[in-house]
Amino acid sequence: MSLRGQLIRRFGGGLVVIAAAMFLLAGSLRFWQGWCFLILAWGLPFLFALWAAKQDPQLLERRLRIKEKSLQQMVFNLLGTGILFSTIGL
């Protein structure tokens, strides 16, 4: 799979899950705070990743295939995920 394909798949998967949970809990797509959150949390990083794919594809490729080996970093990632889901009310 191409680098851009991997990028779109990863960002798209997370976006679909978070957006579905957020807008289902809100009960409407007319939840402007949710749209702002999605733009800031997914839109800006996605634009940066597209820029990185063009300017430095090797860097982006290394970042996409990284697996955390440090226990501290894995715990940090788990806590970050928990905080993210707690902000949308899950």
C-alpha atoms as a PDB file:
ATOM      1  CA  MET A   1       0.000   0.000   0.000  1.00  0.00           C
ATOM      2  CA  SER A   2       1.255   3.490  -0.782  1.00  0.00           C
ATOM      3  CA  LEU A   3       2.297   5.920   1.906  1.00  0.00           C
ATOM      4  CA  ARG A   4      -0.682   8.175   1.218  1.00  0.00           C
ATOM      5  CA  GLY A   5      -2.992   5.160   1.337  1.00  0.00           C
ATOM      6  CA  GLN A   6      -1.665   4.158   4.757  1.00  0.00           C
ATOM      7  CA  LEU A   7      -2.034   7.719   5.951  1.00  0.00           C
ATOM      8  CA  ILE A   8      -5.624   8.015   4.760  1.00  0.00           C
ATOM      9  CA  ARG A   9      -6.539   4.612   6.217  1.00  0.00           C
ATOM     10  CA  ARG A  10      -5.137   5.431   9.659  1.00  0.00           C
ATOM     11  CA  PHE A  11      -6.574   8.919   9.908  1.00  0.00           C
ATOM     12  CA  GLY A  12      -9.873   7.847   8.346  1.00  0.00           C
ATOM     13  CA  GLY A  13     -10.381   4.936  10.727  1.00  0.00           C
ATOM     14  CA  GLY A  14      -9.873   7.065  13.811  1.00  0.00           C
ATOM     15  CA  LEU A  15     -11.977   9.865  12.415  1.00  0.00           C
ATOM     16  CA  VAL A  16     -14.924   7.574  11.667  1.00  0.00           C
ATOM     17  CA  VAL A  17     -14.891   6.013  15.136  1.00  0.00           C
ATOM     18  CA  ILE A  18     -14.594   9.293  17.037  1.00  0.00           C
ATOM     19  CA  ALA A  19     -17.075  11.164  14.821  1.00  0.00           C
ATOM     20  CA  ALA A  20     -19.634   8.367  15.035  1.00  0.00           C
ATOM     21  CA  ALA A  21     -19.384   8.186  18.817  1.00  0.00           C
ATOM     22  CA  MET A  22     -19.483  11.945  19.255  1.00  0.00           C
ATOM     23  CA  PHE A  23     -22.388  12.684  16.919  1.00  0.00           C
ATOM     24  CA  LEU A  24     -24.405   9.678  18.075  1.00  0.00           C
ATOM     25  CA  LEU A  25     -24.088  10.871  21.665  1.00  0.00           C
ATOM     26  CA  ALA A  26     -24.957  14.420  20.614  1.00  0.00           C
ATOM     27  CA  GLY A  27     -27.968  13.115  18.705  1.00  0.00           C
ATOM     28  CA  SER A  28     -27.366  15.441  15.776  1.00  0.00           C
ATOM     29  CA  LEU A  29     -24.850  16.455  13.150  1.00  0.00           C
ATOM     30  CA  ARG A  30     -25.649  20.077  14.080  1.00  0.00           C
ATOM     31  CA  PHE A  31     -23.151  19.926  16.948  1.00  0.00           C
ATOM     32  CA  TRP A  32     -20.751  22.729  16.014  1.00  0.00           C
ATOM     33  CA  GLN A  33     -18.373  22.016  18.876  1.00  0.00           C
ATOM     34  CA  GLY A  34     -17.934  18.504  17.511  1.00  0.00           C
ATOM     35  CA  TRP A  35     -17.033  19.833  14.070  1.00  0.00           C
ATOM     36  CA  CYS A  36     -14.496  22.199  15.629  1.00  0.00           C
ATOM     37  CA  PHE A  37     -12.990  19.341  17.595  1.00  0.00           C
ATOM     38  CA  LEU A  38     -12.690  17.170  14.488  1.00  0.00           C
ATOM     39  CA  ILE A  39     -11.053  19.948  12.490  1.00  0.00           C
ATOM     40  CA  LEU A  40      -8.521  20.691  15.216  1.00  0.00           C
ATOM     41  CA  ALA A  41      -7.849  17.114  16.346  1.00  0.00           C
ATOM     42  CA  TRP A  42      -7.870  15.408  12.933  1.00  0.00           C
ATOM     43  CA  GLY A  43      -7.896  18.016  10.180  1.00  0.00           C
ATOM     44  CA  LEU A  44      -4.773  19.966  11.062  1.00  0.00           C
ATOM     45  CA  PRO A  45      -2.613  16.894  11.804  1.00  0.00           C
ATOM     46  CA  PHE A  46      -3.855  15.296   8.574  1.00  0.00           C
ATOM     47  CA  LEU A  47      -2.841  18.353   6.550  1.00  0.00           C
ATOM     48  CA  PHE A  48       0.567  18.297   8.218  1.00  0.00           C
ATOM     49  CA  ALA A  49       0.931  14.582   7.431  1.00  0.00           C
ATOM     50  CA  LEU A  50       0.056  15.215   3.777  1.00  0.00           C
ATOM     51  CA  TRP A  51       2.677  17.958   3.687  1.00  0.00           C
ATOM     52  CA  ALA A  52       5.218  15.600   5.290  1.00  0.00           C
ATOM     53  CA  ALA A  53       4.370  12.922   2.717  1.00  0.00           C
ATOM     54  CA  LYS A  54       5.365  15.345  -0.003  1.00  0.00           C
ATOM     55  CA  GLN A  55       8.361  17.001   1.685  1.00  0.00           C
ATOM     56  CA  ASP A  56       9.905  14.122   3.683  1.00  0.00           C
ATOM     57  CA  PRO A  57       8.260  10.760   2.912  1.00  0.00           C
ATOM     58  CA  GLN A  58      10.963   8.789   4.742  1.00  0.00           C
ATOM     59  CA  LEU A  59      10.174  10.570   8.001  1.00  0.00           C
ATOM     60  CA  LEU A  60       6.466   9.933   7.629  1.00  0.00           C
ATOM     61  CA  GLU A  61       7.068   6.286   6.754  1.00  0.00           C
ATOM     62  CA  ARG A  62       9.165   5.804   9.901  1.00  0.00           C
ATOM     63  CA  ARG A  63       6.468   7.472  12.017  1.00  0.00           C
ATOM     64  CA  LEU A  64       3.702   5.305  10.558  1.00  0.00           C
ATOM     65  CA  ARG A  65       5.438   2.011  11.289  1.00  0.00           C
ATOM     66  CA  ILE A  66       6.785   2.802  14.731  1.00  0.00           C
ATOM     67  CA  LYS A  67       5.864   0.399  17.508  1.00  0.00           C
ATOM     68  CA  GLU A  68       6.395   1.600  21.043  1.00  0.00           C
ATOM     69  CA  LYS A  69       8.892  -0.533  22.950  1.00  0.00           C
ATOM     70  CA  SER A  70       9.050   1.430  26.175  1.00  0.00           C
ATOM     71  CA  LEU A  71       6.503   0.491  28.829  1.00  0.00           C
ATOM     72  CA  GLN A  72       6.283   4.131  29.919  1.00  0.00           C
ATOM     73  CA  GLN A  73       5.406   5.250  26.395  1.00  0.00           C
ATOM     74  CA  MET A  74       2.775   2.509  26.031  1.00  0.00           C
ATOM     75  CA  VAL A  75       1.181   3.610  29.327  1.00  0.00           C
ATOM     76  CA  PHE A  76       1.261   7.234  28.168  1.00  0.00           C
ATOM     77  CA  ASN A  77      -0.456   6.301  24.892  1.00  0.00           C
ATOM     78  CA  LEU A  78      -3.101   4.302  26.766  1.00  0.00           C
ATOM     79  CA  LEU A  79      -3.795   7.207  29.119  1.00  0.00           C
ATOM     80  CA  GLY A  80      -4.006   9.603  26.180  1.00  0.00           C
ATOM     81  CA  THR A  81      -6.565   7.359  24.505  1.00  0.00           C
ATOM     82  CA  GLY A  82      -8.572   7.196  27.724  1.00  0.00           C
ATOM     83  CA  ILE A  83      -8.549  10.976  28.054  1.00  0.00           C
ATOM     84  CA  LEU A  84      -9.636  11.363  24.433  1.00  0.00           C
ATOM     85  CA  PHE A  85     -12.608   9.052  24.898  1.00  0.00           C
ATOM     86  CA  SER A  86     -13.558  10.673  28.205  1.00  0.00           C
ATOM     87  CA  THR A  87     -13.814  14.064  26.475  1.00  0.00           C
ATOM     88  CA  ILE A  88     -16.526  12.795  24.164  1.00  0.00           C
ATOM     89  CA  GLY A  89     -18.494  11.157  26.954  1.00  0.00           C
ATOM     90  CA  LEU A  90     -17.840   7.446  26.404  1.00  0.00           C
END
